[in-house]
């Protein structure tokens, strides 16, 4: 029963925060202010650069791994294709 109470309590807090973030100050909601400051902060630029580097690392790692596997299995694939051609004759 305590787990259900915890979930309900978290849901109520989430609703309360959501409604409060819609409060407008000088014609702009608190949510818009928070989003603006999060996008313009130096930390977000650093995180964007780090994630771009991570994506590049994944792309390069995939390309290297793929070429390694293709090079390693080239002789097996060529002998297999020759066997299939011979069996068709």
PDB file of N, CA and C in Angstrom:
ATOM      1  N   UNK A   1       0.815  -1.197   0.000  1.00  0.00           N
ATOM      2  CA  UNK A   1       0.000   0.000   0.000  1.00  0.00           C
ATOM      3  C   UNK A   1       0.860   1.263   0.000  1.00  0.00           C
ATOM      4  N   UNK A   2       2.028   1.173   0.635  1.00  0.00           N
ATOM      5  CA  UNK A   2       2.892   2.344   0.697  1.00  0.00           C
ATOM      6  C   UNK A   2       3.439   2.701  -0.688  1.00  0.00           C
ATOM      7  N   UNK A   3       3.634   1.676  -1.557  1.00  0.00           N
ATOM      8  CA  UNK A   3       4.105   1.957  -2.917  1.00  0.00           C
ATOM      9  C   UNK A   3       3.069   2.749  -3.696  1.00  0.00           C
ATOM     10  N   UNK A   4       1.821   2.402  -3.547  1.00  0.00           N
ATOM     11  CA  UNK A   4       0.747   3.116  -4.233  1.00  0.00           C
ATOM     12  C   UNK A   4       0.669   4.559  -3.735  1.00  0.00           C
ATOM     13  N   UNK A   5       0.797   4.751  -2.424  1.00  0.00           N
ATOM     14  CA  UNK A   5       0.776   6.092  -1.863  1.00  0.00           C
ATOM     15  C   UNK A   5       1.941   6.925  -2.405  1.00  0.00           C
ATOM     16  N   UNK A   6       3.123   6.302  -2.553  1.00  0.00           N
ATOM     17  CA  UNK A   6       4.280   6.998  -3.100  1.00  0.00           C
ATOM     18  C   UNK A   6       4.030   7.434  -4.543  1.00  0.00           C
ATOM     19  N   UNK A   7       3.451   6.569  -5.350  1.00  0.00           N
ATOM     20  CA  UNK A   7       3.168   6.888  -6.750  1.00  0.00           C
ATOM     21  C   UNK A   7       2.153   8.018  -6.843  1.00  0.00           C
ATOM     22  N   UNK A   8       1.110   7.952  -6.031  1.00  0.00           N
ATOM     23  CA  UNK A   8       0.089   9.001  -6.044  1.00  0.00           C
ATOM     24  C   UNK A   8       0.695  10.330  -5.599  1.00  0.00           C
ATOM     25  N   UNK A   9       1.528  10.293  -4.571  1.00  0.00           N
ATOM     26  CA  UNK A   9       2.177  11.506  -4.076  1.00  0.00           C
ATOM     27  C   UNK A   9       3.084  12.117  -5.151  1.00  0.00           C
ATOM     28  N   UNK A  10       3.853  11.305  -5.851  1.00  0.00           N
ATOM     29  CA  UNK A  10       4.714  11.801  -6.928  1.00  0.00           C
ATOM     30  C   UNK A  10       3.881  12.384  -8.063  1.00  0.00           C
ATOM     31  N   UNK A  11       2.764  11.764  -8.383  1.00  0.00           N
ATOM     32  CA  UNK A  11       1.887  12.268  -9.432  1.00  0.00           C
ATOM     33  C   UNK A  11       1.315  13.631  -9.058  1.00  0.00           C
ATOM     34  N   UNK A  12       0.919  13.795  -7.801  1.00  0.00           N
ATOM     35  CA  UNK A  12       0.375  15.074  -7.339  1.00  0.00           C
ATOM     36  C   UNK A  12       1.458  16.153  -7.398  1.00  0.00           C
ATOM     37  N   UNK A  13       2.678  15.824  -6.971  1.00  0.00           N
ATOM     38  CA  UNK A  13       3.771  16.797  -7.037  1.00  0.00           C
ATOM     39  C   UNK A  13       4.065  17.188  -8.486  1.00  0.00           C
ATOM     40  N   UNK A  14       4.040  16.209  -9.385  1.00  0.00           N
ATOM     41  CA  UNK A  14       4.290  16.488 -10.790  1.00  0.00           C
ATOM     42  C   UNK A  14       3.219  17.413 -11.357  1.00  0.00           C
ATOM     43  N   UNK A  15       1.970  17.175 -11.022  1.00  0.00           N
ATOM     44  CA  UNK A  15       0.893  18.057 -11.483  1.00  0.00           C
ATOM     45  C   UNK A  15       1.062  19.464 -10.926  1.00  0.00           C
ATOM     46  N   UNK A  16       1.413  19.576  -9.657  1.00  0.00           N
ATOM     47  CA  UNK A  16       1.609  20.867  -9.027  1.00  0.00           C
ATOM     48  C   UNK A  16       2.741  21.647  -9.698  1.00  0.00           C
ATOM     49  N   UNK A  17       3.861  20.992  -9.939  1.00  0.00           N
ATOM     50  CA  UNK A  17       4.987  21.647 -10.602  1.00  0.00           C
ATOM     51  C   UNK A  17       4.613  22.058 -12.026  1.00  0.00           C
ATOM     52  N   UNK A  18       3.890  21.188 -12.731  1.00  0.00           N
ATOM     53  CA  UNK A  18       3.473  21.500 -14.101  1.00  0.00           C
ATOM     54  C   UNK A  18       2.583  22.731 -14.138  1.00  0.00           C
ATOM     55  N   UNK A  19       1.629  22.800 -13.238  1.00  0.00           N
ATOM     56  CA  UNK A  19       0.748  23.967 -13.202  1.00  0.00           C
ATOM     57  C   UNK A  19       1.493  25.233 -12.804  1.00  0.00           C
ATOM     58  N   UNK A  20       2.409  25.135 -11.855  1.00  0.00           N
ATOM     59  CA  UNK A  20       3.164  26.310 -11.423  1.00  0.00           C
ATOM     60  C   UNK A  20       4.111  26.822 -12.516  1.00  0.00           C
ATOM     61  N   UNK A  21       4.637  25.911 -13.340  1.00  0.00           N
ATOM     62  CA  UNK A  21       5.538  26.325 -14.417  1.00  0.00           C
ATOM     63  C   UNK A  21       4.807  27.109 -15.504  1.00  0.00           C
ATOM     64  N   UNK A  22       3.491  27.013 -15.543  1.00  0.00           N
ATOM     65  CA  UNK A  22       2.708  27.743 -16.541  1.00  0.00           C
ATOM     66  C   UNK A  22       2.390  29.167 -16.102  1.00  0.00           C
ATOM     67  N   UNK A  23       2.768  29.529 -14.873  1.00  0.00           N
ATOM     68  CA  UNK A  23       2.543  30.881 -14.370  1.00  0.00           C
ATOM     69  C   UNK A  23       3.365  31.867 -15.188  1.00  0.00           C
ATOM     70  N   UNK A  24       2.724  32.949 -15.603  1.00  0.00           N
ATOM     71  CA  UNK A  24       3.415  33.932 -16.450  1.00  0.00           C
ATOM     72  C   UNK A  24       3.912  35.097 -15.610  1.00  0.00           C
ATOM     73  N   UNK A  25       5.150  35.481 -15.890  1.00  0.00           N
ATOM     74  CA  UNK A  25       5.764  36.650 -15.280  1.00  0.00           C
ATOM     75  C   UNK A  25       6.207  37.544 -16.428  1.00  0.00           C
ATOM     76  N   UNK A  26       5.716  38.766 -16.452  1.00  0.00           N
ATOM     77  CA  UNK A  26       5.990  39.708 -17.544  1.00  0.00           C
ATOM     78  C   UNK A  26       5.578  39.144 -18.900  1.00  0.00           C
ATOM     79  N   UNK A  27       4.503  38.389 -18.917  1.00  0.00           N
ATOM     80  CA  UNK A  27       3.976  37.855 -20.164  1.00  0.00           C
ATOM     81  C   UNK A  27       4.655  36.593 -20.666  1.00  0.00           C
ATOM     82  N   UNK A  28       5.667  36.101 -19.954  1.00  0.00           N
ATOM     83  CA  UNK A  28       6.382  34.889 -20.363  1.00  0.00           C
ATOM     84  C   UNK A  28       6.301  33.880 -19.219  1.00  0.00           C
ATOM     85  N   UNK A  29       5.978  32.630 -19.555  1.00  0.00           N
ATOM     86  CA  UNK A  29       5.819  31.614 -18.514  1.00  0.00           C
ATOM     87  C   UNK A  29       7.165  31.258 -17.883  1.00  0.00           C
ATOM     88  N   UNK A  30       7.099  30.748 -16.677  1.00  0.00           N
ATOM     89  CA  UNK A  30       8.306  30.323 -15.964  1.00  0.00           C
ATOM     90  C   UNK A  30       8.988  29.203 -16.744  1.00  0.00           C
ATOM     91  N   UNK A  31       8.194  28.361 -17.370  1.00  0.00           N
ATOM     92  CA  UNK A  31       8.743  27.276 -18.182  1.00  0.00           C
ATOM     93  C   UNK A  31       9.589  27.828 -19.332  1.00  0.00           C
ATOM     94  N   UNK A  32       9.109  28.866 -19.995  1.00  0.00           N
ATOM     95  CA  UNK A  32       9.867  29.475 -21.103  1.00  0.00           C
ATOM     96  C   UNK A  32      11.157  30.112 -20.602  1.00  0.00           C
ATOM     97  N   UNK A  33      11.093  30.756 -19.433  1.00  0.00           N
ATOM     98  CA  UNK A  33      12.310  31.332 -18.839  1.00  0.00           C
ATOM     99  C   UNK A  33      13.334  30.237 -18.545  1.00  0.00           C
ATOM    100  N   UNK A  34      12.868  29.150 -17.925  1.00  0.00           N
ATOM    101  CA  UNK A  34      13.773  28.053 -17.573  1.00  0.00           C
ATOM    102  C   UNK A  34      14.378  27.422 -18.820  1.00  0.00           C
ATOM    103  N   UNK A  35      13.568  27.231 -19.854  1.00  0.00           N
ATOM    104  CA  UNK A  35      14.074  26.655 -21.088  1.00  0.00           C
ATOM    105  C   UNK A  35      15.122  27.560 -21.729  1.00  0.00           C
ATOM    106  N   UNK A  36      14.877  28.855 -21.728  1.00  0.00           N
ATOM    107  CA  UNK A  36      15.826  29.817 -22.303  1.00  0.00           C
ATOM    108  C   UNK A  36      17.166  29.743 -21.575  1.00  0.00           C
ATOM    109  N   UNK A  37      17.135  29.768 -20.237  1.00  0.00           N
ATOM    110  CA  UNK A  37      18.387  29.750 -19.483  1.00  0.00           C
ATOM    111  C   UNK A  37      19.111  28.414 -19.613  1.00  0.00           C
ATOM    112  N   UNK A  38      18.374  27.318 -19.741  1.00  0.00           N
ATOM    113  CA  UNK A  38      19.017  26.024 -19.930  1.00  0.00           C
ATOM    114  C   UNK A  38      19.688  25.931 -21.302  1.00  0.00           C
ATOM    115  N   UNK A  39      19.052  26.488 -22.321  1.00  0.00           N
ATOM    116  CA  UNK A  39      19.637  26.438 -23.664  1.00  0.00           C
ATOM    117  C   UNK A  39      20.842  27.354 -23.796  1.00  0.00           C
ATOM    118  N   UNK A  40      20.843  28.479 -23.109  1.00  0.00           N
ATOM    119  CA  UNK A  40      21.924  29.457 -23.231  1.00  0.00           C
ATOM    120  C   UNK A  40      23.068  29.232 -22.253  1.00  0.00           C
ATOM    121  N   UNK A  41      22.958  28.277 -21.369  1.00  0.00           N
ATOM    122  CA  UNK A  41      24.013  28.069 -20.377  1.00  0.00           C
ATOM    123  C   UNK A  41      25.237  27.421 -21.014  1.00  0.00           C
ATOM    124  N   UNK A  42      26.372  27.632 -20.403  1.00  0.00           N
ATOM    125  CA  UNK A  42      27.615  27.051 -20.904  1.00  0.00           C
ATOM    126  C   UNK A  42      27.649  25.541 -20.765  1.00  0.00           C
ATOM    127  N   UNK A  43      26.962  25.030 -19.787  1.00  0.00           N
ATOM    128  CA  UNK A  43      26.937  23.586 -19.574  1.00  0.00           C
ATOM    129  C   UNK A  43      26.246  22.885 -20.737  1.00  0.00           C
ATOM    130  N   UNK A  44      25.170  23.479 -21.243  1.00  0.00           N
ATOM    131  CA  UNK A  44      24.462  22.826 -22.350  1.00  0.00           C
ATOM    132  C   UNK A  44      25.326  22.802 -23.609  1.00  0.00           C
ATOM    133  N   UNK A  45      26.124  23.841 -23.839  1.00  0.00           N
ATOM    134  CA  UNK A  45      27.039  23.839 -24.990  1.00  0.00           C
ATOM    135  C   UNK A  45      28.098  22.755 -24.819  1.00  0.00           C
ATOM    136  N   UNK A  46      28.607  22.609 -23.603  1.00  0.00           N
ATOM    137  CA  UNK A  46      29.589  21.565 -23.327  1.00  0.00           C
ATOM    138  C   UNK A  46      28.981  20.179 -23.539  1.00  0.00           C
ATOM    139  N   UNK A  47      27.778  19.977 -23.036  1.00  0.00           N
ATOM    140  CA  UNK A  47      27.108  18.685 -23.204  1.00  0.00           C
ATOM    141  C   UNK A  47      26.822  18.394 -24.671  1.00  0.00           C
ATOM    142  N   UNK A  48      26.455  19.414 -25.436  1.00  0.00           N
ATOM    143  CA  UNK A  48      26.203  19.230 -26.867  1.00  0.00           C
ATOM    144  C   UNK A  48      27.483  18.797 -27.577  1.00  0.00           C
ATOM    145  N   UNK A  49      28.601  19.440 -27.256  1.00  0.00           N
ATOM    146  CA  UNK A  49      29.885  19.067 -27.862  1.00  0.00           C
ATOM    147  C   UNK A  49      30.280  17.639 -27.480  1.00  0.00           C
ATOM    148  N   UNK A  50      30.079  17.293 -26.217  1.00  0.00           N
ATOM    149  CA  UNK A  50      30.431  15.948 -25.766  1.00  0.00           C
ATOM    150  C   UNK A  50      29.562  14.887 -26.443  1.00  0.00           C
ATOM    151  N   UNK A  51      28.280  15.168 -26.582  1.00  0.00           N
ATOM    152  CA  UNK A  51      27.406  14.184 -27.228  1.00  0.00           C
ATOM    153  C   UNK A  51      27.712  14.072 -28.715  1.00  0.00           C
ATOM    154  N   UNK A  52      28.077  15.173 -29.371  1.00  0.00           N
ATOM    155  CA  UNK A  52      28.470  15.106 -30.781  1.00  0.00           C
ATOM    156  C   UNK A  52      29.736  14.264 -30.940  1.00  0.00           C
ATOM    157  N   UNK A  53      30.663  14.408 -30.013  1.00  0.00           N
ATOM    158  CA  UNK A  53      31.866  13.577 -30.046  1.00  0.00           C
ATOM    159  C   UNK A  53      31.554  12.114 -29.822  1.00  0.00           C
ATOM    160  N   UNK A  54      30.608  11.837 -28.932  1.00  0.00           N
ATOM    161  CA  UNK A  54      30.201  10.452 -28.689  1.00  0.00           C
ATOM    162  C   UNK A  54      29.554   9.825 -29.909  1.00  0.00           C
ATOM    163  N   UNK A  55      28.732  10.582 -30.592  1.00  0.00           N
ATOM    164  CA  UNK A  55      28.093  10.081 -31.812  1.00  0.00           C
ATOM    165  C   UNK A  55      29.141   9.811 -32.876  1.00  0.00           C
ATOM    166  N   UNK A  56      30.111  10.709 -33.019  1.00  0.00           N
ATOM    167  CA  UNK A  56      31.181  10.503 -33.998  1.00  0.00           C
ATOM    168  C   UNK A  56      31.996   9.267 -33.648  1.00  0.00           C
ATOM    169  N   UNK A  57      32.248   9.056 -32.361  1.00  0.00           N
ATOM    170  CA  UNK A  57      32.972   7.870 -31.914  1.00  0.00           C
ATOM    171  C   UNK A  57      32.203   6.603 -32.272  1.00  0.00           C
ATOM    172  N   UNK A  58      30.889   6.607 -32.075  1.00  0.00           N
ATOM    173  CA  UNK A  58      30.077   5.444 -32.425  1.00  0.00           C
ATOM    174  C   UNK A  58      30.094   5.187 -33.936  1.00  0.00           C
ATOM    175  N   UNK A  59      29.985   6.240 -34.737  1.00  0.00           N
ATOM    176  CA  UNK A  59      30.026   6.070 -36.187  1.00  0.00           C
ATOM    177  C   UNK A  59      31.371   5.496 -36.628  1.00  0.00           C
ATOM    178  N   UNK A  60      32.454   6.049 -36.118  1.00  0.00           N
ATOM    179  CA  UNK A  60      33.783   5.564 -36.487  1.00  0.00           C
ATOM    180  C   UNK A  60      34.001   4.133 -36.014  1.00  0.00           C
ATOM    181  N   UNK A  61      33.562   3.834 -34.798  1.00  0.00           N
ATOM    182  CA  UNK A  61      33.700   2.479 -34.267  1.00  0.00           C
ATOM    183  C   UNK A  61      32.917   1.469 -35.079  1.00  0.00           C
ATOM    184  N   UNK A  62      31.727   1.854 -35.516  1.00  0.00           N
ATOM    185  CA  UNK A  62      30.924   0.959 -36.349  1.00  0.00           C
ATOM    186  C   UNK A  62      31.618   0.700 -37.684  1.00  0.00           C
ATOM    187  N   UNK A  63      32.149   1.754 -38.308  1.00  0.00           N
ATOM    188  CA  UNK A  63      32.812   1.600 -39.602  1.00  0.00           C
ATOM    189  C   UNK A  63      34.051   0.710 -39.475  1.00  0.00           C
ATOM    190  N   UNK A  64      34.840   0.915 -38.435  1.00  0.00           N
ATOM    191  CA  UNK A  64      36.048   0.108 -38.237  1.00  0.00           C
ATOM    192  C   UNK A  64      35.665  -1.348 -37.955  1.00  0.00           C
ATOM    193  N   UNK A  65      34.652  -1.562 -37.118  1.00  0.00           N
ATOM    194  CA  UNK A  65      34.223  -2.917 -36.802  1.00  0.00           C
ATOM    195  C   UNK A  65      33.682  -3.633 -38.031  1.00  0.00           C
ATOM    196  N   UNK A  66      32.911  -2.926 -38.819  1.00  0.00           N
ATOM    197  CA  UNK A  66      32.339  -3.521 -40.027  1.00  0.00           C
ATOM    198  C   UNK A  66      33.435  -3.911 -41.007  1.00  0.00           C
ATOM    199  N   UNK A  67      34.401  -3.021 -41.230  1.00  0.00           N
ATOM    200  CA  UNK A  67      35.486  -3.346 -42.163  1.00  0.00           C
ATOM    201  C   UNK A  67      36.342  -4.494 -41.622  1.00  0.00           C
ATOM    202  N   UNK A  68      36.538  -4.565 -40.308  1.00  0.00           N
ATOM    203  CA  UNK A  68      37.303  -5.661 -39.715  1.00  0.00           C
ATOM    204  C   UNK A  68      36.600  -6.993 -39.944  1.00  0.00           C
ATOM    205  N   UNK A  69      35.303  -7.029 -39.706  1.00  0.00           N
ATOM    206  CA  UNK A  69      34.548  -8.270 -39.883  1.00  0.00           C
ATOM    207  C   UNK A  69      34.534  -8.674 -41.354  1.00  0.00           C
ATOM    208  N   UNK A  70      34.325  -7.709 -42.240  1.00  0.00           N
ATOM    209  CA  UNK A  70      34.317  -8.038 -43.667  1.00  0.00           C
ATOM    210  C   UNK A  70      35.683  -8.536 -44.133  1.00  0.00           C
ATOM    211  N   UNK A  71      36.758  -7.921 -43.660  1.00  0.00           N
ATOM    212  CA  UNK A  71      38.101  -8.371 -44.029  1.00  0.00           C
ATOM    213  C   UNK A  71      38.402  -9.750 -43.446  1.00  0.00           C
ATOM    214  N   UNK A  72      37.951  -9.992 -42.223  1.00  0.00           N
ATOM    215  CA  UNK A  72      38.224 -11.262 -41.560  1.00  0.00           C
ATOM    216  C   UNK A  72      37.465 -12.418 -42.208  1.00  0.00           C
ATOM    217  N   UNK A  73      36.320 -12.152 -42.752  1.00  0.00           N
ATOM    218  CA  UNK A  73      35.493 -13.220 -43.313  1.00  0.00           C
ATOM    219  C   UNK A  73      35.533 -13.255 -44.843  1.00  0.00           C
ATOM    220  N   UNK A  74      36.401 -12.477 -45.452  1.00  0.00           N
ATOM    221  CA  UNK A  74      36.452 -12.414 -46.921  1.00  0.00           C
ATOM    222  C   UNK A  74      36.774 -13.775 -47.522  1.00  0.00           C
ATOM    223  N   UNK A  75      37.767 -14.480 -46.985  1.00  0.00           N
ATOM    224  CA  UNK A  75      38.144 -15.773 -47.549  1.00  0.00           C
ATOM    225  C   UNK A  75      37.017 -16.789 -47.369  1.00  0.00           C
ATOM    226  N   UNK A  76      36.352 -16.753 -46.233  1.00  0.00           N
ATOM    227  CA  UNK A  76      35.241 -17.670 -45.990  1.00  0.00           C
ATOM    228  C   UNK A  76      34.089 -17.386 -46.951  1.00  0.00           C
ATOM    229  N   UNK A  77      33.777 -16.104 -47.145  1.00  0.00           N
ATOM    230  CA  UNK A  77      32.676 -15.745 -48.028  1.00  0.00           C
ATOM    231  C   UNK A  77      32.993 -16.088 -49.477  1.00  0.00           C
ATOM    232  N   UNK A  78      34.247 -15.889 -49.903  1.00  0.00           N
ATOM    233  CA  UNK A  78      34.593 -16.187 -51.293  1.00  0.00           C
ATOM    234  C   UNK A  78      34.577 -17.691 -51.546  1.00  0.00           C
ATOM    235  N   UNK A  79      35.065 -18.509 -50.597  1.00  0.00           N
ATOM    236  CA  UNK A  79      35.030 -19.964 -50.784  1.00  0.00           C
ATOM    237  C   UNK A  79      33.589 -20.477 -50.757  1.00  0.00           C
ATOM    238  N   UNK A  80      32.763 -19.863 -49.939  1.00  0.00           N
ATOM    239  CA  UNK A  80      31.360 -20.271 -49.871  1.00  0.00           C
ATOM    240  C   UNK A  80      30.637 -19.952 -51.181  1.00  0.00           C
ATOM    241  N   UNK A  81      30.923 -18.793 -51.771  1.00  0.00           N
ATOM    242  CA  UNK A  81      30.269 -18.427 -53.023  1.00  0.00           C
ATOM    243  C   UNK A  81      30.760 -19.315 -54.166  1.00  0.00           C
ATOM    244  N   UNK A  82      32.033 -19.730 -54.134  1.00  0.00           N
ATOM    245  CA  UNK A  82      32.540 -20.624 -55.169  1.00  0.00           C
ATOM    246  C   UNK A  82      31.897 -22.000 -55.054  1.00  0.00           C
ATOM    247  N   UNK A  83      31.665 -22.459 -53.828  1.00  0.00           N
ATOM    248  CA  UNK A  83      31.000 -23.748 -53.627  1.00  0.00           C
ATOM    249  C   UNK A  83      29.567 -23.710 -54.124  1.00  0.00           C
ATOM    250  N   UNK A  84      28.883 -22.613 -53.882  1.00  0.00           N
ATOM    251  CA  UNK A  84      27.496 -22.507 -54.337  1.00  0.00           C
ATOM    252  C   UNK A  84      27.420 -22.432 -55.859  1.00  0.00           C
ATOM    253  N   UNK A  85      28.411 -21.804 -56.505  1.00  0.00           N
ATOM    254  CA  UNK A  85      28.446 -21.765 -57.961  1.00  0.00           C
ATOM    255  C   UNK A  85      28.720 -23.145 -58.529  1.00  0.00           C
ATOM    256  N   UNK A  86      29.600 -23.899 -57.867  1.00  0.00           N
ATOM    257  CA  UNK A  86      29.929 -25.251 -58.335  1.00  0.00           C
ATOM    258  C   UNK A  86      28.746 -26.194 -58.176  1.00  0.00           C
ATOM    259  N   UNK A  87      27.975 -26.016 -57.116  1.00  0.00           N
ATOM    260  CA  UNK A  87      26.834 -26.910 -56.885  1.00  0.00           C
ATOM    261  C   UNK A  87      25.694 -26.612 -57.868  1.00  0.00           C
ATOM    262  N   UNK A  88      25.646 -25.427 -58.413  1.00  0.00           N
ATOM    263  CA  UNK A  88      24.601 -25.074 -59.371  1.00  0.00           C
ATOM    264  C   UNK A  88      24.856 -25.704 -60.737  1.00  0.00           C
ATOM    265  N   UNK A  89      26.088 -26.013 -61.026  1.00  0.00           N
ATOM    266  CA  UNK A  89      26.446 -26.563 -62.351  1.00  0.00           C
ATOM    267  C   UNK A  89      26.057 -27.969 -62.491  1.00  0.00           C
TER     268      UNK A  89
END
